[in-house]
Amino acid sequence: MPKKILIAEDSPTMRSLLVSTIAAMGDFEIVEAANGFEALRILPREKVDLVITDINMPDINGLELISFIRKNQNYQSIPLFIVSTEGSERDREKGLSLGADAYLVKPFSPGDLQKLILQYLEGGTRG
């Protein structure tokens, strides 16, 4: 059964880059959300193994999404990554303090994202 990754990103271009970066790794199922609100609607319907979110999105932003996920018992253990243009130390600290497991600043290296995914979903090993 492939691991399922939810991508919450309002930019179609960045969402496409994230999808292709993950697809290049092989056996992962990807669910896309154009904003935090859409991601919240997907969570009860899909059992996801990882959430990757942007911070700056319309409706519900990434920080609000993380806060909701971390407060909800059904989703608390899901690893969460932030991929954002907000690169200040303050932004990074805020995201991590809300419960994000990793914080990547755009533009990021696809290899860095792939390593993080393997670290959290495969225990660092890939068959």
Protein backbone atom coordinates (compact mmCIF):
# COMPACT_ATOMS: atom_id res chain seq x y z
CA MET A 1 0.00 0.00 0.00
CA PRO A 2 1.65 3.27 -1.05
CA LYS A 3 2.03 6.05 1.53
CA LYS A 4 -0.31 8.98 0.93
CA ILE A 5 0.94 12.58 0.98
CA LEU A 6 -1.36 15.61 1.17
CA ILE A 7 0.01 18.77 -0.44
CA ALA A 8 -1.70 22.05 0.58
CA GLU A 9 -0.35 24.77 -1.73
CA ASP A 10 -2.25 27.58 -3.46
CA SER A 11 0.27 28.08 -6.27
CA PRO A 12 -0.43 25.61 -9.11
CA THR A 13 3.20 25.91 -10.25
CA MET A 14 4.64 25.09 -6.81
CA ARG A 15 2.07 22.33 -6.28
CA SER A 16 3.13 20.82 -9.61
CA LEU A 17 6.81 21.01 -8.59
CA LEU A 18 6.06 19.29 -5.28
CA VAL A 19 4.03 16.58 -7.03
CA SER A 20 6.77 15.89 -9.60
CA THR A 21 9.47 15.85 -6.87
CA ILE A 22 7.50 13.23 -4.91
CA ALA A 23 6.41 11.28 -8.00
CA ALA A 24 10.08 10.90 -8.99
CA MET A 25 10.60 8.93 -5.76
CA GLY A 26 8.30 6.14 -6.82
CA ASP A 27 5.48 4.58 -4.88
CA PHE A 28 3.60 7.45 -3.20
CA GLU A 29 0.00 8.52 -3.62
CA ILE A 30 -0.46 12.30 -3.74
CA VAL A 31 -3.58 14.24 -2.79
CA GLU A 32 -3.64 17.94 -3.72
CA ALA A 33 -5.40 20.83 -1.98
CA ALA A 34 -5.36 24.39 -3.34
CA ASN A 35 -5.70 25.89 0.16
CA GLY A 36 -5.97 25.04 3.85
CA PHE A 37 -9.77 24.84 3.74
CA GLU A 38 -9.61 22.20 1.01
CA ALA A 39 -6.98 20.30 3.02
CA LEU A 40 -9.31 20.25 6.04
CA ARG A 41 -12.09 18.83 3.88
CA ILE A 42 -9.78 16.10 2.57
CA LEU A 43 -8.38 14.96 5.95
CA PRO A 44 -11.50 13.11 7.19
CA ARG A 45 -11.95 11.37 3.82
CA GLU A 46 -8.37 10.26 3.12
CA LYS A 47 -5.93 8.54 5.47
CA VAL A 48 -2.79 10.57 4.83
CA ASP A 49 0.69 9.69 6.07
CA LEU A 50 2.29 13.13 5.60
CA VAL A 51 1.12 16.74 5.09
CA ILE A 52 3.17 19.32 3.19
CA THR A 53 1.80 22.85 3.44
CA ASP A 54 2.59 26.38 2.38
CA ILE A 55 2.05 29.16 4.94
CA ASN A 56 0.57 31.93 2.79
CA MET A 57 -2.72 30.65 1.40
CA PRO A 58 -6.21 32.13 1.11
CA ASP A 59 -9.02 31.09 3.48
CA ILE A 60 -7.11 28.98 6.01
CA ASN A 61 -3.35 29.49 5.98
CA GLY A 62 -0.71 26.87 6.66
CA LEU A 63 -0.17 27.85 10.28
CA GLU A 64 -3.90 27.53 10.99
CA LEU A 65 -3.91 24.16 9.21
CA ILE A 66 -1.00 22.92 11.33
CA SER A 67 -2.65 24.17 14.50
CA PHE A 68 -5.88 22.32 13.64
CA ILE A 69 -4.05 19.09 12.79
CA ARG A 70 -1.97 19.13 15.98
CA LYS A 71 -5.06 19.76 18.15
CA ASN A 72 -7.08 16.95 16.55
CA GLN A 73 -6.50 13.53 18.08
CA ASN A 74 -7.13 11.76 14.76
CA TYR A 75 -4.27 13.58 13.01
CA GLN A 76 -1.76 14.45 15.75
CA SER A 77 0.80 11.84 14.72
CA ILE A 78 0.90 12.80 11.01
CA PRO A 79 4.28 14.34 10.09
CA LEU A 80 3.94 17.93 8.82
CA PHE A 81 6.34 19.86 6.60
CA ILE A 82 6.17 23.57 5.80
CA VAL A 83 7.44 24.69 2.40
CA SER A 84 7.30 28.49 2.30
CA THR A 85 8.87 31.67 0.97
CA GLU A 86 8.76 32.96 4.56
CA GLY A 87 12.37 32.29 5.49
CA SER A 88 13.00 34.38 8.59
CA GLU A 89 14.04 32.69 11.81
CA ARG A 90 10.84 34.02 13.43
CA ASP A 91 8.68 32.34 10.76
CA ARG A 92 10.61 29.10 11.09
CA GLU A 93 10.31 29.11 14.90
CA LYS A 94 6.58 29.83 14.74
CA GLY A 95 5.95 26.97 12.31
CA LEU A 96 8.02 24.51 14.31
CA SER A 97 6.50 25.62 17.63
CA LEU A 98 3.00 24.97 16.24
CA GLY A 99 4.06 21.41 15.53
CA ALA A 100 5.64 21.26 12.07
CA ASP A 101 8.31 18.58 11.85
CA ALA A 102 10.36 20.31 9.14
CA TYR A 103 10.56 23.73 7.49
CA LEU A 104 11.90 24.20 3.95
CA VAL A 105 12.34 27.64 2.43
CA LYS A 106 11.45 28.17 -1.25
CA PRO A 107 13.31 27.74 -3.48
CA PHE A 108 14.35 24.42 -1.98
CA SER A 109 16.38 21.51 -3.26
CA PRO A 110 14.13 18.65 -4.42
CA GLY A 111 16.72 16.28 -2.93
CA ASP A 112 16.27 17.87 0.52
CA LEU A 113 12.51 17.33 0.35
CA GLN A 114 12.97 13.74 -0.83
CA LYS A 115 15.38 13.02 2.06
CA LEU A 116 12.89 14.42 4.58
CA ILE A 117 10.06 12.33 3.15
CA LEU A 118 12.14 9.18 3.37
CA GLN A 119 13.26 10.06 6.88
CA TYR A 120 9.68 10.44 8.14
CA LEU A 121 7.87 7.83 6.05
CA GLU A 122 10.41 5.11 5.43
CA GLY A 123 12.70 5.37 8.43
CA GLY A 124 15.51 6.58 6.18
CA THR A 125 15.62 3.43 4.06
CA ARG A 126 14.19 2.85 0.63
CA GLY A 127 13.72 -0.58 -0.92
